PDB file of all heavy atoms in Angstrom:
ATOM      1  N   GLU A   1       0.844  -1.202   0.024  1.00  0.00           N
ATOM      2  CA  GLU A   1      -0.004   0.011  -0.004  1.00  0.00           C
ATOM      3  C   GLU A   1       0.879   1.248   0.027  1.00  0.00           C
ATOM      4  O   GLU A   1       0.557   2.233  -0.656  1.00  0.00           O
ATOM      5  CB  GLU A   1      -0.911   0.017   1.172  1.00  0.00           C
ATOM      6  CG  GLU A   1      -1.914  -1.113   1.232  1.00  0.00           C
ATOM      7  CD  GLU A   1      -3.013  -1.025   0.197  1.00  0.00           C
ATOM      8  OE1 GLU A   1      -3.209   0.029  -0.361  1.00  0.00           O
ATOM      9  OE2 GLU A   1      -3.720  -2.066  -0.047  1.00  0.00           O
ATOM     10  N   LYS A   2       1.968   1.177   0.717  1.00  0.00           N
ATOM     11  CA  LYS A   2       2.929   2.329   0.711  1.00  0.00           C
ATOM     12  C   LYS A   2       3.465   2.599  -0.638  1.00  0.00           C
ATOM     13  O   LYS A   2       3.631   3.779  -1.036  1.00  0.00           O
ATOM     14  CB  LYS A   2       4.033   2.006   1.678  1.00  0.00           C
ATOM     15  CG  LYS A   2       5.114   3.127   1.885  1.00  0.00           C
ATOM     16  CD  LYS A   2       6.270   3.053   0.860  1.00  0.00           C
ATOM     17  CE  LYS A   2       7.009   1.731   0.960  1.00  0.00           C
ATOM     18  NZ  LYS A   2       8.107   1.677  -0.084  1.00  0.00           N
ATOM     19  N   ASP A   3       3.755   1.518  -1.420  1.00  0.00           N
ATOM     20  CA  ASP A   3       4.269   1.728  -2.751  1.00  0.00           C
ATOM     21  C   ASP A   3       3.229   2.430  -3.630  1.00  0.00           C
ATOM     22  O   ASP A   3       3.629   3.216  -4.521  1.00  0.00           O
ATOM     23  CB  ASP A   3       4.565   0.344  -3.364  1.00  0.00           C
ATOM     24  CG  ASP A   3       5.813  -0.288  -2.814  1.00  0.00           C
ATOM     25  OD1 ASP A   3       6.591   0.387  -2.107  1.00  0.00           O
ATOM     26  OD2 ASP A   3       6.010  -1.510  -3.043  1.00  0.00           O
ATOM     27  N   LYS A   4       1.981   2.244  -3.404  1.00  0.00           N
ATOM     28  CA  LYS A   4       0.969   2.903  -4.234  1.00  0.00           C
ATOM     29  C   LYS A   4       1.004   4.438  -4.053  1.00  0.00           C
ATOM     30  O   LYS A   4       0.684   5.142  -5.068  1.00  0.00           O
ATOM     31  CB  LYS A   4      -0.457   2.378  -3.868  1.00  0.00           C
ATOM     32  CG  LYS A   4      -0.683   0.933  -4.170  1.00  0.00           C
ATOM     33  CD  LYS A   4      -2.065   0.518  -3.671  1.00  0.00           C
ATOM     34  CE  LYS A   4      -2.337  -0.956  -3.951  1.00  0.00           C
ATOM     35  NZ  LYS A   4      -3.701  -1.336  -3.365  1.00  0.00           N
ATOM     36  N   CYS A   5       1.325   4.894  -2.850  1.00  0.00           N
ATOM     37  CA  CYS A   5       1.290   6.323  -2.612  1.00  0.00           C
ATOM     38  C   CYS A   5       2.698   6.899  -2.391  1.00  0.00           C
ATOM     39  O   CYS A   5       2.764   8.068  -1.917  1.00  0.00           O
ATOM     40  CB  CYS A   5       0.415   6.620  -1.335  1.00  0.00           C
ATOM     41  SG  CYS A   5       1.056   5.979   0.194  1.00  0.00           S
ATOM     42  N   ALA A   6       3.686   6.188  -2.768  1.00  0.00           N
ATOM     43  CA  ALA A   6       5.082   6.670  -2.488  1.00  0.00           C
ATOM     44  C   ALA A   6       5.328   8.022  -3.107  1.00  0.00           C
ATOM     45  O   ALA A   6       6.080   8.884  -2.472  1.00  0.00           O
ATOM     46  CB  ALA A   6       6.088   5.635  -3.063  1.00  0.00           C
ATOM     47  N   HIS A   7       4.749   8.285  -4.271  1.00  0.00           N
ATOM     48  CA  HIS A   7       4.945   9.639  -4.922  1.00  0.00           C
ATOM     49  C   HIS A   7       4.366  10.784  -4.106  1.00  0.00           C
ATOM     50  O   HIS A   7       4.698  11.971  -4.399  1.00  0.00           O
ATOM     51  CB  HIS A   7       4.444   9.564  -6.320  1.00  0.00           C
ATOM     52  CG  HIS A   7       2.894   9.366  -6.335  1.00  0.00           C
ATOM     53  ND1 HIS A   7       2.354   8.114  -5.995  1.00  0.00           N
ATOM     54  CD2 HIS A   7       1.878  10.166  -6.782  1.00  0.00           C
ATOM     55  CE1 HIS A   7       1.058   8.201  -6.212  1.00  0.00           C
ATOM     56  NE2 HIS A   7       0.755   9.401  -6.622  1.00  0.00           N
ATOM     57  N   LEU A   8       3.520  10.501  -3.134  1.00  0.00           N
ATOM     58  CA  LEU A   8       2.893  11.548  -2.360  1.00  0.00           C
ATOM     59  C   LEU A   8       3.533  11.760  -1.009  1.00  0.00           C
ATOM     60  O   LEU A   8       3.128  12.662  -0.283  1.00  0.00           O
ATOM     61  CB  LEU A   8       1.408  11.198  -2.163  1.00  0.00           C
ATOM     62  CG  LEU A   8       0.540  11.071  -3.462  1.00  0.00           C
ATOM     63  CD1 LEU A   8      -0.809  10.457  -3.180  1.00  0.00           C
ATOM     64  CD2 LEU A   8       0.422  12.377  -4.138  1.00  0.00           C
ATOM     65  N   LEU A   9       4.460  10.890  -0.613  1.00  0.00           N
ATOM     66  CA  LEU A   9       5.040  10.941   0.691  1.00  0.00           C
ATOM     67  C   LEU A   9       6.179  12.007   0.815  1.00  0.00           C
ATOM     68  O   LEU A   9       6.973  12.162  -0.077  1.00  0.00           O
ATOM     69  CB  LEU A   9       5.585   9.615   1.118  1.00  0.00           C
ATOM     70  CG  LEU A   9       4.514   8.449   1.100  1.00  0.00           C
ATOM     71  CD1 LEU A   9       5.217   7.093   1.373  1.00  0.00           C
ATOM     72  CD2 LEU A   9       3.465   8.720   2.160  1.00  0.00           C
ATOM     73  N   PHE A  10       6.182  12.620   1.958  1.00  0.00           N
ATOM     74  CA  PHE A  10       7.295  13.574   2.277  1.00  0.00           C
ATOM     75  C   PHE A  10       8.608  12.762   2.590  1.00  0.00           C
ATOM     76  O   PHE A  10       9.673  13.194   2.199  1.00  0.00           O
ATOM     77  CB  PHE A  10       6.919  14.408   3.422  1.00  0.00           C
ATOM     78  CG  PHE A  10       8.013  15.403   3.883  1.00  0.00           C
ATOM     79  CD1 PHE A  10       8.358  16.522   3.137  1.00  0.00           C
ATOM     80  CD2 PHE A  10       8.634  15.131   5.090  1.00  0.00           C
ATOM     81  CE1 PHE A  10       9.348  17.368   3.564  1.00  0.00           C
ATOM     82  CE2 PHE A  10       9.652  15.990   5.523  1.00  0.00           C
ATOM     83  CZ  PHE A  10      10.028  17.050   4.751  1.00  0.00           C
ATOM     84  N   ASP A  11       8.505  11.701   3.406  1.00  0.00           N
ATOM     85  CA  ASP A  11       9.671  10.995   3.811  1.00  0.00           C
ATOM     86  C   ASP A  11       9.304   9.493   3.726  1.00  0.00           C
ATOM     87  O   ASP A  11       8.845   8.876   4.705  1.00  0.00           O
ATOM     88  CB  ASP A  11      10.104  11.362   5.257  1.00  0.00           C
ATOM     89  CG  ASP A  11      11.413  10.759   5.656  1.00  0.00           C
ATOM     90  OD1 ASP A  11      11.840   9.773   5.121  1.00  0.00           O
ATOM     91  OD2 ASP A  11      12.011  11.273   6.633  1.00  0.00           O
ATOM     92  N   GLU A  12       9.570   8.921   2.554  1.00  0.00           N
ATOM     93  CA  GLU A  12       9.169   7.535   2.333  1.00  0.00           C
ATOM     94  C   GLU A  12       9.896   6.607   3.299  1.00  0.00           C
ATOM     95  O   GLU A  12       9.331   5.556   3.752  1.00  0.00           O
ATOM     96  CB  GLU A  12       9.427   7.137   0.902  1.00  0.00           C
ATOM     97  CG  GLU A  12       8.975   5.708   0.537  1.00  0.00           C
ATOM     98  CD  GLU A  12       9.211   5.306  -0.902  1.00  0.00           C
ATOM     99  OE1 GLU A  12       9.755   6.162  -1.691  1.00  0.00           O
ATOM    100  OE2 GLU A  12       8.922   4.141  -1.229  1.00  0.00           O
ATOM    101  N   LYS A  13      11.178   6.823   3.529  1.00  0.00           N
ATOM    102  CA  LYS A  13      11.938   5.974   4.431  1.00  0.00           C
ATOM    103  C   LYS A  13      11.356   5.912   5.830  1.00  0.00           C
ATOM    104  O   LYS A  13      11.230   4.835   6.466  1.00  0.00           O
ATOM    105  CB  LYS A  13      13.381   6.339   4.468  1.00  0.00           C
ATOM    106  CG  LYS A  13      14.251   5.464   5.348  1.00  0.00           C
ATOM    107  CD  LYS A  13      15.721   5.804   5.220  1.00  0.00           C
ATOM    108  CE  LYS A  13      16.596   4.797   6.021  1.00  0.00           C
ATOM    109  NZ  LYS A  13      18.038   5.160   5.922  1.00  0.00           N
ATOM    110  N   ALA A  14      10.951   7.089   6.302  1.00  0.00           N
ATOM    111  CA  ALA A  14      10.360   7.138   7.652  1.00  0.00           C
ATOM    112  C   ALA A  14       9.070   6.443   7.675  1.00  0.00           C
ATOM    113  O   ALA A  14       8.717   5.693   8.655  1.00  0.00           O
ATOM    114  CB  ALA A  14      10.183   8.625   8.094  1.00  0.00           C
ATOM    115  N   VAL A  15       8.265   6.584   6.631  1.00  0.00           N
ATOM    116  CA  VAL A  15       6.985   5.870   6.593  1.00  0.00           C
ATOM    117  C   VAL A  15       7.166   4.346   6.524  1.00  0.00           C
ATOM    118  O   VAL A  15       6.495   3.634   7.293  1.00  0.00           O
ATOM    119  CB  VAL A  15       6.132   6.306   5.299  1.00  0.00           C
ATOM    120  CG1 VAL A  15       5.026   5.394   5.082  1.00  0.00           C
ATOM    121  CG2 VAL A  15       5.706   7.755   5.480  1.00  0.00           C
ATOM    122  N   GLU A  16       8.118   3.927   5.751  1.00  0.00           N
ATOM    123  CA  GLU A  16       8.366   2.482   5.709  1.00  0.00           C
ATOM    124  C   GLU A  16       8.866   1.905   6.983  1.00  0.00           C
ATOM    125  O   GLU A  16       8.433   0.829   7.493  1.00  0.00           O
ATOM    126  CB  GLU A  16       9.405   2.159   4.591  1.00  0.00           C
ATOM    127  CG  GLU A  16       9.529   0.697   4.357  1.00  0.00           C
ATOM    128  CD  GLU A  16      10.255   0.317   3.036  1.00  0.00           C
ATOM    129  OE1 GLU A  16      10.263   1.208   2.160  1.00  0.00           O
ATOM    130  OE2 GLU A  16      10.663  -0.848   2.886  1.00  0.00           O
ATOM    131  N   LEU A  17       9.731   2.666   7.671  1.00  0.00           N
ATOM    132  CA  LEU A  17      10.237   2.178   8.980  1.00  0.00           C
ATOM    133  C   LEU A  17       9.099   2.117   9.960  1.00  0.00           C
ATOM    134  O   LEU A  17       9.000   1.187  10.774  1.00  0.00           O
ATOM    135  CB  LEU A  17      11.372   3.037   9.450  1.00  0.00           C
ATOM    136  CG  LEU A  17      12.764   2.744   8.963  1.00  0.00           C
ATOM    137  CD1 LEU A  17      13.770   3.881   9.363  1.00  0.00           C
ATOM    138  CD2 LEU A  17      13.245   1.428   9.587  1.00  0.00           C
ATOM    139  N   ALA A  18       8.261   3.115   9.962  1.00  0.00           N
ATOM    140  CA  ALA A  18       7.121   3.137  10.876  1.00  0.00           C
ATOM    141  C   ALA A  18       6.138   1.979  10.569  1.00  0.00           C
ATOM    142  O   ALA A  18       5.642   1.334  11.571  1.00  0.00           O
ATOM    143  CB  ALA A  18       6.339   4.481  10.740  1.00  0.00           C
ATOM    144  N   LEU A  19       5.983   1.659   9.350  1.00  0.00           N
ATOM    145  CA  LEU A  19       5.124   0.465   9.011  1.00  0.00           C
ATOM    146  C   LEU A  19       5.742  -0.798   9.536  1.00  0.00           C
ATOM    147  O   LEU A  19       5.101  -1.730  10.011  1.00  0.00           O
ATOM    148  CB  LEU A  19       4.868   0.412   7.496  1.00  0.00           C
ATOM    149  CG  LEU A  19       3.989   1.564   6.998  1.00  0.00           C
ATOM    150  CD1 LEU A  19       3.954   1.529   5.449  1.00  0.00           C
ATOM    151  CD2 LEU A  19       2.595   1.552   7.563  1.00  0.00           C
ATOM    152  N   TRP A  20       7.034  -0.902   9.348  1.00  0.00           N
ATOM    153  CA  TRP A  20       7.748  -2.107   9.823  1.00  0.00           C
ATOM    154  C   TRP A  20       7.591  -2.322  11.330  1.00  0.00           C
ATOM    155  O   TRP A  20       7.417  -3.460  11.764  1.00  0.00           O
ATOM    156  CB  TRP A  20       9.248  -2.025   9.530  1.00  0.00           C
ATOM    157  CG  TRP A  20       9.627  -2.592   8.206  1.00  0.00           C
ATOM    158  CD1 TRP A  20       9.988  -1.921   7.027  1.00  0.00           C
ATOM    159  CD2 TRP A  20       9.778  -3.976   7.884  1.00  0.00           C
ATOM    160  NE1 TRP A  20      10.314  -2.782   6.067  1.00  0.00           N
ATOM    161  CE2 TRP A  20      10.197  -4.064   6.529  1.00  0.00           C
ATOM    162  CE3 TRP A  20       9.608  -5.138   8.618  1.00  0.00           C
ATOM    163  CZ2 TRP A  20      10.470  -5.293   5.928  1.00  0.00           C
ATOM    164  CZ3 TRP A  20       9.823  -6.393   7.969  1.00  0.00           C
ATOM    165  CH2 TRP A  20      10.224  -6.427   6.602  1.00  0.00           C
ATOM    166  N   TYR A  21       7.606  -1.262  12.098  1.00  0.00           N
ATOM    167  CA  TYR A  21       7.663  -1.369  13.568  1.00  0.00           C
ATOM    168  C   TYR A  21       6.305  -1.113  14.215  1.00  0.00           C
ATOM    169  O   TYR A  21       6.185  -1.298  15.434  1.00  0.00           O
ATOM    170  CB  TYR A  21       8.694  -0.438  14.159  1.00  0.00           C
ATOM    171  CG  TYR A  21      10.149  -1.014  14.056  1.00  0.00           C
ATOM    172  CD1 TYR A  21      10.909  -0.775  12.930  1.00  0.00           C
ATOM    173  CD2 TYR A  21      10.600  -1.736  15.051  1.00  0.00           C
ATOM    174  CE1 TYR A  21      12.203  -1.279  12.857  1.00  0.00           C
ATOM    175  CE2 TYR A  21      11.883  -2.299  15.024  1.00  0.00           C
ATOM    176  CZ  TYR A  21      12.654  -2.031  13.933  1.00  0.00           C
ATOM    177  OH  TYR A  21      13.938  -2.614  13.824  1.00  0.00           O
ATOM    178  N   HIS A  22       5.308  -0.701  13.452  1.00  0.00           N
ATOM    179  CA  HIS A  22       4.082  -0.225  14.186  1.00  0.00           C
ATOM    180  C   HIS A  22       3.370  -1.298  14.960  1.00  0.00           C
ATOM    181  O   HIS A  22       2.664  -1.011  15.923  1.00  0.00           O
ATOM    182  CB  HIS A  22       3.150   0.504  13.228  1.00  0.00           C
ATOM    183  CG  HIS A  22       2.306  -0.412  12.378  1.00  0.00           C
ATOM    184  ND1 HIS A  22       2.806  -1.149  11.290  1.00  0.00           N
ATOM    185  CD2 HIS A  22       0.972  -0.719  12.416  1.00  0.00           C
ATOM    186  CE1 HIS A  22       1.822  -1.800  10.732  1.00  0.00           C
ATOM    187  NE2 HIS A  22       0.677  -1.582  11.427  1.00  0.00           N
ATOM    188  N   ASP A  23       3.559  -2.559  14.589  1.00  0.00           N
ATOM    189  CA  ASP A  23       2.953  -3.688  15.325  1.00  0.00           C
ATOM    190  C   ASP A  23       4.005  -4.645  15.865  1.00  0.00           C
ATOM    191  O   ASP A  23       3.707  -5.776  16.075  1.00  0.00           O
ATOM    192  CB  ASP A  23       1.929  -4.406  14.398  1.00  0.00           C
ATOM    193  CG  ASP A  23       0.662  -3.690  14.213  1.00  0.00           C
ATOM    194  OD1 ASP A  23       0.207  -3.021  15.155  1.00  0.00           O
ATOM    195  OD2 ASP A  23       0.074  -3.850  13.128  1.00  0.00           O
ATOM    196  N   ALA A  24       5.211  -4.134  15.965  1.00  0.00           N
ATOM    197  CA  ALA A  24       6.296  -5.008  16.381  1.00  0.00           C
ATOM    198  C   ALA A  24       5.961  -5.665  17.791  1.00  0.00           C
ATOM    199  O   ALA A  24       6.287  -6.842  18.059  1.00  0.00           O
ATOM    200  CB  ALA A  24       7.616  -4.247  16.529  1.00  0.00           C
ATOM    201  N   VAL A  25       5.321  -4.864  18.655  1.00  0.00           N
ATOM    202  CA  VAL A  25       4.862  -5.435  19.902  1.00  0.00           C
ATOM    203  C   VAL A  25       3.314  -5.529  19.800  1.00  0.00           C
ATOM    204  O   VAL A  25       2.636  -4.461  19.554  1.00  0.00           O
ATOM    205  CB  VAL A  25       5.252  -4.536  21.098  1.00  0.00           C
ATOM    206  CG1 VAL A  25       4.621  -5.125  22.399  1.00  0.00           C
ATOM    207  CG2 VAL A  25       6.757  -4.460  21.190  1.00  0.00           C
ATOM    208  N   TYR A  26       2.798  -6.706  19.937  1.00  0.00           N
ATOM    209  CA  TYR A  26       1.351  -6.810  19.871  1.00  0.00           C
ATOM    210  C   TYR A  26       0.896  -7.949  20.868  1.00  0.00           C
ATOM    211  O   TYR A  26       0.981  -9.091  20.659  1.00  0.00           O
ATOM    212  CB  TYR A  26       0.936  -7.283  18.479  1.00  0.00           C
ATOM    213  CG  TYR A  26      -0.606  -7.258  18.260  1.00  0.00           C
ATOM    214  CD1 TYR A  26      -1.283  -6.064  18.117  1.00  0.00           C
ATOM    215  CD2 TYR A  26      -1.363  -8.437  18.303  1.00  0.00           C
ATOM    216  CE1 TYR A  26      -2.641  -5.987  18.026  1.00  0.00           C
ATOM    217  CE2 TYR A  26      -2.758  -8.389  18.207  1.00  0.00           C
ATOM    218  CZ  TYR A  26      -3.345  -7.171  18.099  1.00  0.00           C
ATOM    219  OH  TYR A  26      -4.738  -7.144  17.961  1.00  0.00           O
ATOM    220  N   ASP A  27       0.441  -7.361  21.959  1.00  0.00           N
ATOM    221  CA  ASP A  27      -0.200  -8.206  23.021  1.00  0.00           C
ATOM    222  C   ASP A  27      -1.672  -7.763  23.212  1.00  0.00           C
ATOM    223  O   ASP A  27      -2.038  -6.747  22.711  1.00  0.00           O
ATOM    224  CB  ASP A  27       0.557  -8.035  24.393  1.00  0.00           C
ATOM    225  CG  ASP A  27       2.027  -8.514  24.181  1.00  0.00           C
ATOM    226  OD1 ASP A  27       2.241  -9.514  23.614  1.00  0.00           O
ATOM    227  OD2 ASP A  27       2.930  -7.735  24.683  1.00  0.00           O
ATOM    228  N   LEU A  28      -2.411  -8.533  23.933  1.00  0.00           N
ATOM    229  CA  LEU A  28      -3.844  -8.230  24.123  1.00  0.00           C
ATOM    230  C   LEU A  28      -4.008  -7.090  25.131  1.00  0.00           C
ATOM    231  O   LEU A  28      -5.113  -6.540  25.198  1.00  0.00           O
ATOM    232  CB  LEU A  28      -4.585  -9.465  24.596  1.00  0.00           C
ATOM    233  CG  LEU A  28      -4.620 -10.631  23.595  1.00  0.00           C
ATOM    234  CD1 LEU A  28      -5.637 -11.698  24.067  1.00  0.00           C
ATOM    235  CD2 LEU A  28      -5.000 -10.147  22.184  1.00  0.00           C
TER     236      LEU A  28
END
């Protein structure tokens, strides 16, 4: 999904890193 909107992003690297880590910890 990030690839679809990459041309609209201010900082694609930051967005990708955030996506990688946003659910890194997932407990109930």
